Amino acid sequence: MSDKKTRYDYGFAPTGAGTKAHFGDSGVAHEVEFWTSTPEGSIPGKPGWGHPNNQFVHDPVSADMAVAIKLANLAKISQDLPQVEIKGIVCEPSPESSHYDLFFFVTGLDAAVVTQIKV
C-alpha cells in the first residue's frame, strides 16, 4: 500500500520482499539523506535534481562561504523536495578547515540530517 508518507529506497536495496520502503518520518529522513548524497546533474533524466555543493569544493573555507552554501542548499532542496518541510539549515566550517558540516532540520524529525562538504 502506498501513500504520501511512503518513500522507496532510491538505492534499490533488495530485500526478500522486493524494494525496501521507508514509511513516515523514516521516509522523509531517507529522502533528505538521498538528496544530500546526490550531486546535481548525476541522475539521468533529471539533470537539475540534487544538491548544489560541488560548486563550492574549490572555494576557501570561511563563514561567508558557509552562508552561501546554506542559502544555495535551502533554495535547491525546497525546489527538488517540495513535499519536505525544512525548518532550518545550519552550515558550519570545520575547525581544521577541511570541510563544512551541514545540518538539515526537517519538520517531524527529532534529529537533524547531517552531511559534510569536503573542500
N, C-alpha and C. Protein backbone atom coordinates (compact mmCIF):
# COMPACT_ATOMS: atom_id res chain seq x y z
N MET A 1 0.85 -1.17 0.00
CA MET A 1 0.00 0.00 0.00
C MET A 1 0.89 1.23 0.00
N SER A 2 0.64 2.18 -0.87
CA SER A 2 1.46 3.37 -0.99
C SER A 2 0.64 4.61 -0.66
N ASP A 3 1.25 5.53 0.07
CA ASP A 3 0.60 6.81 0.34
C ASP A 3 1.66 7.90 0.28
N LYS A 4 1.29 9.12 0.63
CA LYS A 4 2.22 10.25 0.54
C LYS A 4 3.39 10.11 1.51
N LYS A 5 3.25 9.31 2.56
CA LYS A 5 4.30 9.15 3.56
C LYS A 5 5.24 7.99 3.23
N THR A 6 4.99 7.24 2.17
CA THR A 6 5.84 6.12 1.80
C THR A 6 6.93 6.60 0.85
N ARG A 7 8.19 6.28 1.17
CA ARG A 7 9.31 6.64 0.31
C ARG A 7 10.06 5.35 0.00
N TYR A 8 10.43 5.14 -1.24
CA TYR A 8 11.13 3.93 -1.62
C TYR A 8 12.63 4.18 -1.65
N ASP A 9 13.40 3.14 -1.37
CA ASP A 9 14.85 3.25 -1.30
C ASP A 9 15.39 3.51 -2.69
N TYR A 10 15.99 4.70 -2.87
CA TYR A 10 16.49 5.07 -4.19
C TYR A 10 17.73 4.28 -4.57
N GLY A 11 18.36 3.65 -3.58
CA GLY A 11 19.49 2.78 -3.88
C GLY A 11 19.02 1.41 -4.34
N PHE A 12 17.72 1.21 -4.35
CA PHE A 12 17.11 -0.06 -4.74
C PHE A 12 17.73 -1.22 -3.99
N ALA A 13 17.84 -1.05 -2.67
CA ALA A 13 18.36 -2.12 -1.83
C ALA A 13 17.41 -3.30 -1.87
N PRO A 14 17.86 -4.44 -2.39
CA PRO A 14 16.95 -5.58 -2.48
C PRO A 14 16.68 -6.20 -1.12
N THR A 15 15.46 -6.60 -0.93
CA THR A 15 15.07 -7.35 0.27
C THR A 15 14.34 -8.59 -0.21
N GLY A 16 14.04 -9.49 0.70
CA GLY A 16 13.32 -10.71 0.33
C GLY A 16 11.95 -10.41 -0.22
N ALA A 17 11.39 -9.25 0.14
CA ALA A 17 10.04 -8.89 -0.29
C ALA A 17 10.03 -7.91 -1.46
N GLY A 18 11.20 -7.55 -1.97
CA GLY A 18 11.26 -6.59 -3.08
C GLY A 18 12.04 -5.36 -2.68
N THR A 19 11.66 -4.22 -3.23
CA THR A 19 12.36 -2.97 -2.93
C THR A 19 12.01 -2.50 -1.53
N LYS A 20 13.02 -2.05 -0.80
CA LYS A 20 12.82 -1.58 0.56
C LYS A 20 12.03 -0.28 0.56
N ALA A 21 11.05 -0.18 1.43
CA ALA A 21 10.24 1.03 1.55
C ALA A 21 10.48 1.65 2.92
N HIS A 22 10.43 2.96 2.97
CA HIS A 22 10.56 3.71 4.22
C HIS A 22 9.25 4.42 4.45
N PHE A 23 8.74 4.39 5.69
CA PHE A 23 7.43 4.96 5.99
C PHE A 23 7.54 6.11 6.97
N GLY A 24 6.63 7.06 6.87
CA GLY A 24 6.53 8.15 7.83
C GLY A 24 7.80 8.97 7.92
N ASP A 25 8.23 9.24 9.15
CA ASP A 25 9.42 10.07 9.38
C ASP A 25 10.68 9.43 8.81
N SER A 26 10.76 8.11 8.86
CA SER A 26 11.92 7.41 8.30
C SER A 26 12.01 7.67 6.80
N GLY A 27 10.87 7.75 6.13
CA GLY A 27 10.84 8.01 4.70
C GLY A 27 11.31 9.41 4.37
N VAL A 28 10.89 10.37 5.17
CA VAL A 28 11.31 11.76 4.95
C VAL A 28 12.81 11.89 5.18
N ALA A 29 13.32 11.29 6.26
CA ALA A 29 14.76 11.34 6.54
C ALA A 29 15.54 10.69 5.41
N HIS A 30 15.05 9.55 4.91
CA HIS A 30 15.74 8.87 3.81
C HIS A 30 15.77 9.75 2.56
N GLU A 31 14.67 10.41 2.29
CA GLU A 31 14.60 11.27 1.11
C GLU A 31 15.61 12.42 1.20
N VAL A 32 15.72 13.04 2.37
CA VAL A 32 16.68 14.13 2.55
C VAL A 32 18.11 13.59 2.49
N GLU A 33 18.36 12.44 3.10
CA GLU A 33 19.70 11.83 3.03
C GLU A 33 20.09 11.51 1.59
N PHE A 34 19.14 10.98 0.82
CA PHE A 34 19.42 10.68 -0.58
C PHE A 34 19.74 11.97 -1.34
N TRP A 35 18.97 13.02 -1.11
CA TRP A 35 19.21 14.30 -1.79
C TRP A 35 20.59 14.84 -1.43
N THR A 36 20.99 14.77 -0.15
CA THR A 36 22.29 15.32 0.26
C THR A 36 23.45 14.50 -0.28
N SER A 37 23.21 13.26 -0.67
CA SER A 37 24.29 12.43 -1.21
C SER A 37 24.29 12.39 -2.74
N THR A 38 23.39 13.13 -3.37
CA THR A 38 23.26 13.11 -4.83
C THR A 38 23.62 14.48 -5.41
N PRO A 39 24.78 14.58 -6.06
CA PRO A 39 25.15 15.87 -6.68
C PRO A 39 24.21 16.23 -7.83
N GLU A 40 23.97 17.50 -7.98
CA GLU A 40 23.15 18.00 -9.08
C GLU A 40 23.71 17.49 -10.40
N GLY A 41 22.82 16.99 -11.25
CA GLY A 41 23.23 16.51 -12.57
C GLY A 41 23.65 15.07 -12.63
N SER A 42 23.55 14.32 -11.53
CA SER A 42 24.03 12.93 -11.55
C SER A 42 22.93 11.90 -11.78
N ILE A 43 21.67 12.33 -11.90
CA ILE A 43 20.58 11.39 -12.15
C ILE A 43 20.13 11.54 -13.60
N PRO A 44 20.25 10.49 -14.39
CA PRO A 44 19.80 10.56 -15.78
C PRO A 44 18.32 10.92 -15.86
N GLY A 45 17.99 11.85 -16.72
CA GLY A 45 16.62 12.28 -16.90
C GLY A 45 16.19 13.39 -15.96
N LYS A 46 17.00 13.67 -14.94
CA LYS A 46 16.72 14.76 -14.00
C LYS A 46 18.00 15.56 -13.78
N PRO A 47 18.47 16.25 -14.80
CA PRO A 47 19.77 16.92 -14.70
C PRO A 47 19.84 18.03 -13.66
N GLY A 48 18.72 18.60 -13.26
CA GLY A 48 18.74 19.68 -12.29
C GLY A 48 18.48 19.24 -10.87
N TRP A 49 18.28 17.92 -10.65
CA TRP A 49 17.92 17.43 -9.32
C TRP A 49 19.18 17.07 -8.54
N GLY A 50 19.23 17.45 -7.26
CA GLY A 50 20.34 17.09 -6.39
C GLY A 50 20.94 18.31 -5.71
N HIS A 51 21.87 18.06 -4.80
CA HIS A 51 22.46 19.17 -4.05
C HIS A 51 23.42 19.98 -4.92
N PRO A 52 23.59 21.28 -4.60
CA PRO A 52 24.44 22.16 -5.40
C PRO A 52 25.86 22.30 -4.85
N ASN A 53 26.31 21.40 -4.00
CA ASN A 53 27.54 21.61 -3.25
C ASN A 53 28.83 21.45 -4.03
N ASN A 54 28.79 20.81 -5.19
CA ASN A 54 30.02 20.65 -5.97
C ASN A 54 30.59 21.99 -6.43
N GLN A 55 29.74 22.99 -6.54
CA GLN A 55 30.23 24.30 -6.98
C GLN A 55 31.08 24.99 -5.91
N PHE A 56 31.09 24.48 -4.69
CA PHE A 56 31.82 25.12 -3.59
C PHE A 56 33.11 24.41 -3.21
N VAL A 57 33.47 23.30 -3.85
CA VAL A 57 34.59 22.50 -3.37
C VAL A 57 35.95 23.17 -3.51
N HIS A 58 36.10 24.14 -4.38
CA HIS A 58 37.40 24.79 -4.55
C HIS A 58 37.48 26.15 -3.89
N ASP A 59 36.41 26.56 -3.21
CA ASP A 59 36.41 27.84 -2.52
C ASP A 59 37.05 27.69 -1.15
N PRO A 60 37.68 28.74 -0.64
CA PRO A 60 38.27 28.66 0.69
C PRO A 60 37.19 28.50 1.77
N VAL A 61 37.52 27.77 2.81
CA VAL A 61 36.58 27.57 3.92
C VAL A 61 36.50 28.86 4.73
N SER A 62 35.29 29.39 4.86
CA SER A 62 35.08 30.62 5.62
C SER A 62 33.63 30.71 6.06
N ALA A 63 33.36 31.61 7.00
CA ALA A 63 31.99 31.82 7.46
C ALA A 63 31.12 32.38 6.33
N ASP A 64 31.70 33.22 5.48
CA ASP A 64 30.94 33.77 4.35
C ASP A 64 30.52 32.68 3.37
N MET A 65 31.43 31.74 3.10
CA MET A 65 31.08 30.63 2.20
C MET A 65 30.04 29.73 2.85
N ALA A 66 30.09 29.58 4.17
CA ALA A 66 29.09 28.77 4.87
C ALA A 66 27.69 29.35 4.67
N VAL A 67 27.58 30.66 4.70
CA VAL A 67 26.28 31.31 4.46
C VAL A 67 25.83 31.06 3.02
N ALA A 68 26.75 31.19 2.06
CA ALA A 68 26.40 30.94 0.65
C ALA A 68 25.95 29.50 0.44
N ILE A 69 26.63 28.54 1.07
CA ILE A 69 26.26 27.13 0.95
C ILE A 69 24.88 26.88 1.57
N LYS A 70 24.66 27.46 2.73
CA LYS A 70 23.36 27.31 3.40
C LYS A 70 22.23 27.83 2.52
N LEU A 71 22.39 29.02 1.96
CA LEU A 71 21.33 29.61 1.13
C LEU A 71 21.12 28.81 -0.16
N ALA A 72 22.21 28.35 -0.77
CA ALA A 72 22.08 27.55 -2.00
C ALA A 72 21.35 26.25 -1.72
N ASN A 73 21.67 25.60 -0.60
CA ASN A 73 21.01 24.34 -0.26
C ASN A 73 19.54 24.55 0.10
N LEU A 74 19.24 25.61 0.80
CA LEU A 74 17.85 25.89 1.16
C LEU A 74 16.99 26.10 -0.09
N ALA A 75 17.50 26.90 -1.02
CA ALA A 75 16.74 27.15 -2.26
C ALA A 75 16.58 25.87 -3.08
N LYS A 76 17.65 25.07 -3.16
CA LYS A 76 17.62 23.89 -4.02
C LYS A 76 16.79 22.75 -3.43
N ILE A 77 16.91 22.50 -2.12
CA ILE A 77 16.12 21.41 -1.54
C ILE A 77 14.64 21.76 -1.56
N SER A 78 14.30 23.03 -1.41
CA SER A 78 12.90 23.46 -1.47
C SER A 78 12.33 23.24 -2.87
N GLN A 79 13.17 23.40 -3.87
CA GLN A 79 12.76 23.18 -5.26
C GLN A 79 12.65 21.69 -5.58
N ASP A 80 13.64 20.91 -5.15
CA ASP A 80 13.69 19.49 -5.50
C ASP A 80 12.76 18.62 -4.65
N LEU A 81 12.58 18.98 -3.39
CA LEU A 81 11.74 18.20 -2.48
C LEU A 81 10.67 19.09 -1.86
N PRO A 82 9.71 19.58 -2.66
CA PRO A 82 8.71 20.50 -2.13
C PRO A 82 7.81 19.87 -1.06
N GLN A 83 7.72 18.55 -1.02
CA GLN A 83 6.89 17.86 -0.04
C GLN A 83 7.55 17.77 1.34
N VAL A 84 8.84 18.11 1.43
CA VAL A 84 9.56 18.05 2.70
C VAL A 84 9.63 19.47 3.27
N GLU A 85 9.17 19.62 4.51
CA GLU A 85 9.16 20.93 5.15
C GLU A 85 10.46 21.13 5.94
N ILE A 86 11.31 22.01 5.43
CA ILE A 86 12.59 22.31 6.07
C ILE A 86 12.38 23.41 7.10
N LYS A 87 12.72 23.13 8.37
CA LYS A 87 12.61 24.14 9.42
C LYS A 87 13.85 25.03 9.45
N GLY A 88 14.98 24.48 9.05
CA GLY A 88 16.21 25.27 9.08
C GLY A 88 17.39 24.48 8.58
N ILE A 89 18.43 25.21 8.21
CA ILE A 89 19.69 24.62 7.78
C ILE A 89 20.80 25.36 8.50
N VAL A 90 21.76 24.62 9.01
CA VAL A 90 22.95 25.21 9.63
C VAL A 90 24.16 24.69 8.86
N CYS A 91 25.04 25.60 8.49
CA CYS A 91 26.28 25.22 7.81
C CYS A 91 27.43 25.82 8.61
N GLU A 92 28.34 24.96 9.06
CA GLU A 92 29.47 25.41 9.87
C GLU A 92 30.78 24.93 9.27
N PRO A 93 31.77 25.83 9.16
CA PRO A 93 33.10 25.38 8.73
C PRO A 93 33.73 24.50 9.82
N SER A 94 34.44 23.48 9.42
CA SER A 94 35.10 22.62 10.41
C SER A 94 36.28 23.36 11.03
N PRO A 95 36.64 23.01 12.25
CA PRO A 95 37.78 23.68 12.90
C PRO A 95 39.09 23.52 12.13
N GLU A 96 39.27 22.37 11.47
CA GLU A 96 40.51 22.15 10.73
C GLU A 96 40.44 22.67 9.29
N SER A 97 39.34 23.35 8.94
CA SER A 97 39.15 23.96 7.62
C SER A 97 39.28 22.98 6.46
N SER A 98 38.81 21.76 6.68
CA SER A 98 38.87 20.77 5.61
C SER A 98 37.49 20.45 5.03
N HIS A 99 36.43 20.86 5.72
CA HIS A 99 35.09 20.59 5.24
C HIS A 99 34.09 21.49 5.97
N TYR A 100 32.85 21.43 5.49
CA TYR A 100 31.73 22.09 6.16
C TYR A 100 30.81 21.00 6.70
N ASP A 101 30.23 21.23 7.86
CA ASP A 101 29.17 20.37 8.38
C ASP A 101 27.85 21.04 8.07
N LEU A 102 26.95 20.29 7.45
CA LEU A 102 25.67 20.83 7.03
C LEU A 102 24.57 20.05 7.73
N PHE A 103 23.71 20.76 8.48
CA PHE A 103 22.64 20.15 9.25
C PHE A 103 21.30 20.59 8.67
N PHE A 104 20.44 19.64 8.33
CA PHE A 104 19.10 19.93 7.83
C PHE A 104 18.10 19.58 8.92
N PHE A 105 17.31 20.56 9.35
CA PHE A 105 16.27 20.34 10.35
C PHE A 105 14.94 20.27 9.63
N VAL A 106 14.27 19.12 9.76
CA VAL A 106 13.06 18.83 9.00
C VAL A 106 11.89 18.67 9.96
N THR A 107 10.75 19.26 9.62
CA THR A 107 9.54 19.13 10.42
C THR A 107 9.19 17.65 10.57
N GLY A 108 8.94 17.24 11.81
CA GLY A 108 8.55 15.86 12.08
C GLY A 108 9.71 14.96 12.47
N LEU A 109 10.95 15.40 12.31
CA LEU A 109 12.09 14.57 12.69
C LEU A 109 12.68 15.09 13.99
N ASP A 110 13.05 14.16 14.87
CA ASP A 110 13.64 14.56 16.15
C ASP A 110 15.10 14.96 16.02
N ALA A 111 15.80 14.40 15.04
CA ALA A 111 17.22 14.68 14.85
C ALA A 111 17.44 15.32 13.48
N ALA A 112 18.55 16.03 13.36
CA ALA A 112 18.89 16.66 12.08
C ALA A 112 19.49 15.62 11.14
N VAL A 113 19.32 15.84 9.85
CA VAL A 113 20.01 15.06 8.83
C VAL A 113 21.33 15.78 8.60
N VAL A 114 22.44 15.08 8.75
CA VAL A 114 23.77 15.70 8.72
C VAL A 114 24.54 15.20 7.51
N THR A 115 25.26 16.11 6.86
CA THR A 115 26.15 15.75 5.77
C THR A 115 27.40 16.61 5.86
N GLN A 116 28.43 16.23 5.14
CA GLN A 116 29.67 17.01 5.10
C GLN A 116 29.99 17.39 3.66
N ILE A 117 30.58 18.56 3.50
CA ILE A 117 31.06 19.01 2.19
C ILE A 117 32.57 19.09 2.30
N LYS A 118 33.27 18.22 1.59
CA LYS A 118 34.73 18.24 1.59
C LYS A 118 35.23 19.32 0.64
N VAL A 119 36.32 19.98 1.04
CA VAL A 119 36.91 21.02 0.17
C VAL A 119 38.35 20.68 -0.09
